Amino acid sequence: MNLRETLRVALSALVANRLRSALTTLGVLIGVMSVVLLVAIGQGARTEVTGAIEGLGSNLLFVLPGDGEFGAAPTRSQFTLEDVEELERELPGAERRVAGSVVGGEPIQAEGERVTTTISGVSAGYLDVVVREVARGQSFAESDVAVGRRVALLGAGIADRLFPGQDPIGRTVTIGSIRFRVVGVLEQVGGTAFGPDRDRDVYVPVTAAQRLFATQRLDAIFVRATSTATVEEDRQVVEQVLERRLEPDSFSVLSQDDIIGVVGDILQILTLVLAAIAGISLLVGGVGVSNIMLVSVSERTREIGLRKALGARTTDITRQFLLEAMVLTGLGGAVGLAAGIGLAELVALFAPIPAEVTLWSVLLALGVSVGVGLVFGVLPARRAGRLDPVEALRRD
């Protein structure tokens, strides 16, 4: 029998048992759909988070505690305001190019509303360094930082929550147990499903925040290079300045590409874990295919014996049952692929979770579904091919 005739016979056998064939493909269908959907969500998260980092600018340097390696143990920050001042002196034209930050979670309340959010204590040039705009009011000045004045900049979301339909400029908010006067509202930038909502940020002078959090340290320092061409040059200057006071392994200076690389590694592992979890259902579906094909071989023993008695070779019988298994899983994979893509589109459209279907996940899902049929169809196919025609014809 040629391949075309073998395929025709295999399809006829599957059509003759429509319900059983449909139920057999269900496990593979669900597995493929899960793989496509979960990989799409993982890839969407990666794209969204890296896009948010890229939005900070390609010439921004992040000075963070620790060695900056993925999986490294956390390191307590040793940065101080003196480090920021030293960098401002050493970096050429460093005005508004260096900023320090200390971050904590505190409740903020006003006029009966109470919200727990991120409170960031920043130096006066922070908004210039990270490129955030003030929509209403003004930012705080160097003098506010110098004396630790209790003034605050609110994110657009927090401002709307605390002062709905009102102008918050000049009003008072309580952070922790300390009262701050609102001097400005930041321009709305939006948030991401897998990251903090930046419109919920609250900024206060770094010195005021240090008193609020009872600390003298900074959590991070940000440096904006004059251009992408000077990023490496500025990185070297920053490292040389900080190494005068700190151990080299107590801090790291990372560019945007470095941050994206670390985040990308984390999200890539997440995507692979999601795909592996979904792949378990494919394995279960494959076991179901193998069981059903073994039942089919038992039911069609006389048919197999008759065909072998009429001249069908062992390879013909083996190939027929193997094709049946691969057609079952292939059809299940195709329907599961369509369902997975459709669900991913619905998730991206109606849910805050991003989803991005990639070509490699589509090819992987289809390849695995057909491979499941090949692997789990081998045993039933070989059993069918090895049946003795005389014994098969004598069986009831």
Protein backbone atom coordinates (compact mmCIF):
# COMPACT_ATOMS: atom_id res chain seq x y z
CA MET A 1 0.00 0.00 0.00
CA ASN A 2 1.24 3.46 -0.84
CA LEU A 3 1.10 6.34 1.61
CA ARG A 4 -2.03 7.84 0.03
CA GLU A 5 -3.99 4.60 0.32
CA THR A 6 -2.74 4.07 3.89
CA LEU A 7 -3.89 7.56 4.85
CA ARG A 8 -7.32 6.96 3.26
CA VAL A 9 -7.80 3.74 5.23
CA ALA A 10 -6.67 5.46 8.45
CA LEU A 11 -9.14 8.32 7.94
CA SER A 12 -11.95 5.88 7.20
CA ALA A 13 -11.28 4.06 10.45
CA LEU A 14 -11.34 7.32 12.42
CA VAL A 15 -14.56 8.53 10.77
CA ALA A 16 -16.21 5.20 11.58
CA ASN A 17 -15.67 5.96 15.29
CA ARG A 18 -16.38 9.69 15.34
CA LEU A 19 -17.25 10.08 19.03
CA ARG A 20 -14.29 8.08 20.25
CA SER A 21 -11.96 9.96 17.91
CA ALA A 22 -13.29 13.33 19.11
CA LEU A 23 -12.90 12.40 22.78
CA THR A 24 -9.39 11.11 22.13
CA THR A 25 -8.30 14.40 20.56
CA LEU A 26 -9.76 16.43 23.44
CA GLY A 27 -6.75 15.92 25.70
CA VAL A 28 -4.34 17.01 22.98
CA LEU A 29 -6.61 19.94 22.09
CA ILE A 30 -6.62 21.23 25.68
CA GLY A 31 -2.86 20.75 25.98
CA VAL A 32 -2.04 22.67 22.80
CA MET A 33 -4.51 25.42 23.69
CA SER A 34 -2.92 25.76 27.14
CA VAL A 35 0.61 25.91 25.74
CA VAL A 36 -0.27 28.61 23.20
CA LEU A 37 -2.25 30.71 25.69
CA LEU A 38 0.22 30.56 28.59
CA VAL A 39 3.24 31.18 26.36
CA ALA A 40 1.39 34.14 24.81
CA ILE A 41 0.78 35.60 28.29
CA GLY A 42 4.41 35.06 29.29
CA GLN A 43 5.68 36.64 26.07
CA GLY A 44 3.24 39.53 26.45
CA ALA A 45 4.50 40.17 29.96
CA ARG A 46 8.08 40.20 28.72
CA THR A 47 7.29 42.66 25.93
CA GLU A 48 5.33 44.96 28.22
CA VAL A 49 7.92 45.06 31.00
CA THR A 50 10.87 45.57 28.65
CA GLY A 51 8.90 48.28 26.87
CA ALA A 52 8.38 50.09 30.18
CA ILE A 53 12.13 49.92 30.88
CA GLU A 54 12.97 51.16 27.40
CA GLY A 55 10.57 54.06 27.98
CA LEU A 56 12.97 55.41 30.62
CA GLY A 57 15.51 56.15 27.91
CA SER A 58 18.48 54.30 26.48
CA ASN A 59 21.04 56.57 28.17
CA LEU A 60 19.98 55.97 31.78
CA LEU A 61 22.30 54.24 34.25
CA PHE A 62 20.94 52.46 37.33
CA VAL A 63 23.25 52.28 40.36
CA LEU A 64 21.93 49.47 42.58
CA PRO A 65 23.19 47.57 45.63
CA GLY A 66 24.62 44.10 44.98
CA ASP A 67 26.34 42.64 41.94
CA GLY A 68 23.31 42.90 39.63
CA GLU A 69 23.40 39.21 38.70
CA PHE A 70 20.18 37.24 38.29
CA GLY A 71 19.65 35.00 41.30
CA ALA A 72 22.19 36.82 43.49
CA ALA A 73 21.39 37.28 47.17
CA PRO A 74 19.99 40.70 48.09
CA THR A 75 22.50 43.24 49.38
CA ARG A 76 21.76 46.07 51.80
CA SER A 77 22.30 49.45 50.21
CA GLN A 78 25.23 51.56 51.42
CA PHE A 79 24.49 54.60 49.24
CA THR A 80 24.15 58.03 50.85
CA LEU A 81 23.39 61.57 49.71
CA GLU A 82 27.14 62.25 49.82
CA ASP A 83 27.56 59.76 46.96
CA VAL A 84 25.05 61.72 44.87
CA GLU A 85 26.86 64.99 45.60
CA GLU A 86 30.21 63.44 44.73
CA LEU A 87 28.87 62.14 41.41
CA GLU A 88 27.44 65.58 40.61
CA ARG A 89 30.90 67.07 41.10
CA GLU A 90 32.75 64.40 39.11
CA LEU A 91 30.49 63.96 36.12
CA PRO A 92 30.97 66.70 33.50
CA GLY A 93 27.86 68.87 33.17
CA ALA A 94 26.17 66.74 35.80
CA GLU A 95 23.50 69.26 36.78
CA ARG A 96 20.14 67.48 36.77
CA ARG A 97 21.84 64.28 35.61
CA VAL A 98 22.20 62.52 38.96
CA ALA A 99 19.43 61.68 41.41
CA GLY A 100 19.10 59.52 44.50
CA SER A 101 16.04 57.64 45.69
CA VAL A 102 14.77 55.91 48.83
CA VAL A 103 11.53 53.96 48.64
CA GLY A 104 9.04 52.69 51.18
CA GLY A 105 5.42 51.63 51.45
CA GLU A 106 3.30 53.91 53.62
CA PRO A 107 -0.40 54.73 53.84
CA ILE A 108 -1.39 58.13 52.49
CA GLN A 109 -4.70 59.68 53.44
CA ALA A 110 -6.69 62.84 52.86
CA GLU A 111 -10.32 63.83 53.42
CA GLY A 112 -11.31 60.38 54.67
CA GLU A 113 -9.63 58.41 51.87
CA ARG A 114 -6.74 56.13 52.78
CA VAL A 115 -4.45 54.34 50.30
CA THR A 116 -1.28 52.32 50.87
CA THR A 117 1.16 53.02 48.06
CA THR A 118 4.82 53.52 47.18
CA ILE A 119 6.39 56.62 48.70
CA SER A 120 9.59 57.65 46.93
CA GLY A 121 11.99 60.10 48.48
CA VAL A 122 13.96 61.68 45.64
CA SER A 123 16.46 64.45 45.11
CA ALA A 124 15.47 67.60 43.27
CA GLY A 125 16.74 66.50 39.85
CA TYR A 126 14.96 63.15 39.85
CA LEU A 127 12.16 64.10 37.45
CA ASP A 128 14.70 65.44 34.94
CA VAL A 129 16.77 62.27 35.17
CA VAL A 130 13.89 59.80 34.68
CA VAL A 131 11.93 62.18 32.42
CA ARG A 132 8.67 62.63 34.34
CA GLU A 133 6.55 65.69 33.69
CA VAL A 134 4.51 67.75 36.16
CA ALA A 135 0.99 68.28 34.80
CA ARG A 136 -0.19 70.75 37.48
CA GLY A 137 1.67 72.76 40.08
CA GLN A 138 5.43 72.41 40.35
CA SER A 139 8.16 70.08 41.49
CA PHE A 140 10.08 70.70 44.69
CA ALA A 141 13.33 72.66 44.59
CA GLU A 142 16.85 72.17 45.91
CA SER A 143 15.93 74.23 48.97
CA ASP A 144 13.07 71.84 49.75
CA VAL A 145 15.53 68.94 49.74
CA ALA A 146 18.12 70.85 51.74
CA VAL A 147 15.77 71.53 54.65
CA GLY A 148 13.62 68.39 54.30
CA ARG A 149 10.48 70.39 53.65
CA ARG A 150 7.31 68.34 53.88
CA VAL A 151 5.96 68.77 50.36
CA ALA A 152 4.68 66.09 47.99
CA LEU A 153 4.13 65.35 44.31
CA LEU A 154 1.22 63.03 43.62
CA GLY A 155 0.76 60.63 40.74
CA ALA A 156 -2.36 61.28 38.67
CA GLY A 157 -4.12 58.17 39.97
CA ILE A 158 -3.48 58.95 43.64
CA ALA A 159 -4.55 62.57 43.15
CA ASP A 160 -7.87 61.47 41.62
CA ARG A 161 -8.39 58.93 44.41
CA LEU A 162 -7.69 61.32 47.28
CA PHE A 163 -9.21 64.45 45.76
CA PRO A 164 -11.89 63.37 43.25
CA GLY A 165 -13.06 66.32 41.15
CA GLN A 166 -10.89 68.74 43.14
CA ASP A 167 -7.62 70.57 42.65
CA PRO A 168 -5.15 68.98 45.11
CA ILE A 169 -2.54 71.76 44.82
CA GLY A 170 -2.01 73.37 48.20
CA ARG A 171 -4.01 70.74 50.07
CA THR A 172 -2.63 68.53 52.81
CA VAL A 173 -2.08 64.76 52.84
CA THR A 174 -0.91 62.58 55.70
CA ILE A 175 1.84 60.07 54.92
CA GLY A 176 2.32 57.64 57.76
CA SER A 177 1.68 60.07 60.59
CA ILE A 178 3.30 63.15 59.03
CA ARG A 179 1.45 65.87 57.12
CA PHE A 180 2.71 66.97 53.69
CA ARG A 181 1.53 69.80 51.46
CA VAL A 182 0.78 68.89 47.84
CA VAL A 183 2.76 71.11 45.44
CA GLY A 184 2.20 69.27 42.16
CA VAL A 185 0.49 66.46 40.24
CA LEU A 186 2.46 64.33 37.77
CA GLU A 187 1.42 63.72 34.21
CA GLN A 188 -0.54 60.50 33.74
CA VAL A 189 1.59 57.69 32.30
CA GLY A 190 -0.43 54.55 33.04
CA GLY A 191 0.63 51.24 34.47
CA THR A 192 1.23 47.68 33.31
CA ALA A 193 -0.40 44.39 34.25
CA PHE A 194 2.98 43.00 35.39
CA GLY A 195 4.46 46.10 36.93
CA PRO A 196 3.65 48.89 39.36
CA ASP A 197 1.13 51.53 38.42
CA ARG A 198 3.31 54.62 38.12
CA ASP A 199 0.25 56.86 38.49
CA ARG A 200 0.04 55.69 42.12
CA ASP A 201 3.53 56.99 42.94
CA VAL A 202 4.03 59.70 45.52
CA TYR A 203 7.28 61.71 45.56
CA VAL A 204 8.64 63.69 48.51
CA PRO A 205 12.07 65.27 49.12
CA VAL A 206 14.60 62.56 49.87
CA THR A 207 15.61 64.14 53.18
CA ALA A 208 11.98 64.21 54.33
CA ALA A 209 11.59 60.57 53.30
CA GLN A 210 14.70 59.57 55.22
CA ARG A 211 13.20 61.06 58.37
CA LEU A 212 9.89 59.34 57.59
CA PHE A 213 11.57 55.93 57.11
CA ALA A 214 14.16 56.52 59.89
CA THR A 215 17.15 55.85 57.64
CA GLN A 216 20.14 57.65 56.16
CA ARG A 217 20.62 55.37 53.19
CA LEU A 218 19.50 55.58 49.56
CA ASP A 219 18.05 52.58 47.74
CA ALA A 220 19.32 53.56 44.30
CA ILE A 221 21.08 56.28 42.31
CA PHE A 222 20.12 57.21 38.76
CA VAL A 223 22.49 58.82 36.25
CA ARG A 224 21.45 60.11 32.84
CA ALA A 225 24.25 60.18 30.29
CA THR A 226 24.33 63.10 27.86
CA SER A 227 23.84 60.61 24.98
CA THR A 228 23.91 56.89 24.25
CA ALA A 229 27.50 57.31 23.05
CA THR A 230 28.68 58.41 26.50
CA VAL A 231 26.91 55.73 28.55
CA GLU A 232 30.01 53.55 28.98
CA GLU A 233 32.21 56.55 29.72
CA ASP A 234 29.82 57.73 32.45
CA ARG A 235 29.56 54.18 33.81
CA GLN A 236 33.32 54.11 34.35
CA VAL A 237 33.25 57.47 36.12
CA VAL A 238 30.42 56.32 38.41
CA GLU A 239 32.27 53.11 39.30
CA GLN A 240 35.51 54.97 40.02
CA VAL A 241 33.75 57.49 42.27
CA LEU A 242 31.83 54.91 44.28
CA GLU A 243 34.83 52.59 44.66
CA ARG A 244 36.57 55.28 46.68
CA ARG A 245 34.16 54.55 49.53
CA LEU A 246 32.47 51.23 48.75
CA GLU A 247 33.64 47.73 47.95
CA PRO A 248 33.34 46.92 44.21
CA ASP A 249 31.04 43.95 44.86
CA SER A 250 28.66 46.00 47.05
CA PHE A 251 27.10 47.84 44.12
CA SER A 252 26.52 47.53 40.38
CA VAL A 253 26.08 50.09 37.62
CA LEU A 254 23.61 48.80 35.04
CA SER A 255 22.53 50.23 31.72
CA GLN A 256 19.09 49.82 30.21
CA ASP A 257 20.30 46.81 28.20
CA ASP A 258 21.64 45.18 31.38
CA ILE A 259 18.30 45.63 33.17
CA ILE A 260 16.38 44.31 30.18
CA GLY A 261 18.69 41.30 30.07
CA VAL A 262 18.08 40.45 33.73
CA VAL A 263 14.33 41.01 33.48
CA GLY A 264 14.25 39.10 30.21
CA ASP A 265 15.95 36.10 31.83
CA ILE A 266 13.41 36.07 34.66
CA LEU A 267 10.41 36.33 32.34
CA GLN A 268 11.88 33.77 29.93
CA ILE A 269 12.12 31.27 32.78
CA LEU A 270 8.54 32.14 33.75
CA THR A 271 7.39 31.53 30.17
CA LEU A 272 9.17 28.17 30.01
CA VAL A 273 7.68 27.11 33.35
CA LEU A 274 4.19 28.01 32.11
CA ALA A 275 4.81 26.06 28.90
CA ALA A 276 6.06 23.06 30.88
CA ILE A 277 2.98 23.10 33.12
CA ALA A 278 0.72 23.23 30.08
CA GLY A 279 2.79 20.48 28.46
CA ILE A 280 1.73 18.08 31.22
CA SER A 281 -1.79 18.07 29.76
CA LEU A 282 -0.27 17.16 26.39
CA LEU A 283 1.46 14.21 28.03
CA VAL A 284 -1.83 13.09 29.56
CA GLY A 285 -3.48 13.48 26.16
CA GLY A 286 -0.77 11.33 24.60
CA VAL A 287 -1.38 8.55 27.13
CA GLY A 288 -5.07 8.71 26.21
CA VAL A 289 -4.23 8.37 22.51
CA SER A 290 -2.06 5.34 23.24
CA ASN A 291 -4.82 3.66 25.27
CA ILE A 292 -7.50 4.27 22.63
CA MET A 293 -5.24 2.99 19.85
CA LEU A 294 -4.55 -0.19 21.83
CA VAL A 295 -8.31 -0.67 22.20
CA SER A 296 -8.68 -0.10 18.45
CA VAL A 297 -6.07 -2.76 17.71
CA SER A 298 -7.94 -5.25 19.92
CA GLU A 299 -11.27 -4.48 18.25
CA ARG A 300 -9.88 -4.78 14.73
CA THR A 301 -7.83 -7.94 15.20
CA ARG A 302 -9.82 -9.90 12.60
CA GLU A 303 -9.56 -7.01 10.12
CA ILE A 304 -5.80 -6.95 10.59
CA GLY A 305 -5.56 -10.72 10.14
CA LEU A 306 -7.66 -10.58 6.96
CA ARG A 307 -5.58 -7.80 5.45
CA LYS A 308 -2.34 -9.61 6.24
CA ALA A 309 -3.76 -12.80 4.76
CA LEU A 310 -4.52 -10.85 1.55
CA GLY A 311 -0.92 -9.65 1.30
CA ALA A 312 -0.61 -6.57 3.53
CA ARG A 313 2.89 -6.31 4.96
CA THR A 314 3.77 -5.69 8.59
CA THR A 315 5.04 -2.22 7.67
CA ASP A 316 1.69 -1.42 5.98
CA ILE A 317 -0.29 -2.28 9.13
CA THR A 318 2.18 -0.47 11.39
CA ARG A 319 2.12 2.61 9.19
CA GLN A 320 -1.69 2.67 9.08
CA PHE A 321 -2.10 2.68 12.88
CA LEU A 322 0.73 5.15 13.32
CA LEU A 323 -0.93 7.49 10.83
CA GLU A 324 -4.23 7.15 12.68
CA ALA A 325 -2.58 8.26 15.91
CA MET A 326 -0.80 11.17 14.22
CA VAL A 327 -3.97 12.32 12.46
CA LEU A 328 -5.84 12.25 15.77
CA THR A 329 -3.24 14.36 17.57
CA GLY A 330 -2.66 16.58 14.53
CA LEU A 331 -6.35 17.46 14.30
CA GLY A 332 -6.49 18.04 18.05
CA GLY A 333 -3.40 20.24 17.79
CA ALA A 334 -4.86 22.31 14.94
CA VAL A 335 -8.14 22.94 16.78
CA GLY A 336 -6.27 23.61 20.04
CA LEU A 337 -4.00 26.07 18.23
CA ALA A 338 -6.98 27.98 16.86
CA ALA A 339 -8.63 28.00 20.29
CA GLY A 340 -5.40 29.13 22.00
CA ILE A 341 -4.89 32.02 19.57
CA GLY A 342 -8.54 33.03 19.94
CA LEU A 343 -8.34 32.99 23.74
CA ALA A 344 -5.09 34.96 23.67
CA GLU A 345 -6.75 37.63 21.54
CA LEU A 346 -9.70 37.77 23.95
CA VAL A 347 -7.39 38.05 26.94
CA ALA A 348 -5.45 40.90 25.31
CA LEU A 349 -8.70 42.63 24.37
CA PHE A 350 -10.76 42.35 27.54
CA ALA A 351 -8.31 41.66 30.37
CA PRO A 352 -5.45 43.78 31.74
CA ILE A 353 -3.10 40.84 31.14
CA PRO A 354 -1.07 41.22 27.91
CA ALA A 355 -0.87 38.28 25.50
CA GLU A 356 1.34 37.99 22.45
CA VAL A 357 1.22 34.90 20.24
CA THR A 358 4.63 34.13 18.77
CA LEU A 359 5.55 32.01 15.75
CA TRP A 360 7.82 29.74 17.78
CA SER A 361 5.02 28.86 20.22
CA VAL A 362 2.69 28.02 17.30
CA LEU A 363 5.29 25.79 15.65
CA LEU A 364 6.15 24.22 19.02
CA ALA A 365 2.51 23.42 19.80
CA LEU A 366 1.86 21.87 16.37
CA GLY A 367 5.15 19.97 16.39
CA VAL A 368 4.58 18.60 19.87
CA SER A 369 1.00 17.57 19.07
CA VAL A 370 2.10 15.57 16.02
CA GLY A 371 5.10 14.25 17.96
CA VAL A 372 2.78 13.02 20.71
CA GLY A 373 0.89 10.99 18.12
CA LEU A 374 4.15 9.60 16.77
CA VAL A 375 5.56 8.65 20.17
CA PHE A 376 2.40 7.32 21.78
CA GLY A 377 1.20 5.64 18.59
CA VAL A 378 4.31 3.52 18.12
CA LEU A 379 3.40 0.83 20.66
CA PRO A 380 -0.13 0.18 19.36
CA ALA A 381 1.10 0.33 15.75
CA ARG A 382 3.89 -2.18 16.38
CA ARG A 383 1.50 -4.48 18.21
CA ALA A 384 -0.90 -4.35 15.26
CA GLY A 385 1.88 -4.99 12.76
CA ARG A 386 3.22 -8.02 14.64
CA LEU A 387 -0.11 -9.86 14.88
CA ASP A 388 0.02 -13.33 13.40
CA PRO A 389 -2.62 -13.50 10.62
CA VAL A 390 -3.71 -17.06 11.47
CA GLU A 391 -4.14 -16.26 15.18
CA ALA A 392 -5.87 -12.98 14.31
CA LEU A 393 -8.42 -14.70 12.02
CA ARG A 394 -9.18 -17.34 14.64
CA ARG A 395 -9.91 -14.72 17.34
CA ASP A 396 -13.56 -13.86 18.01
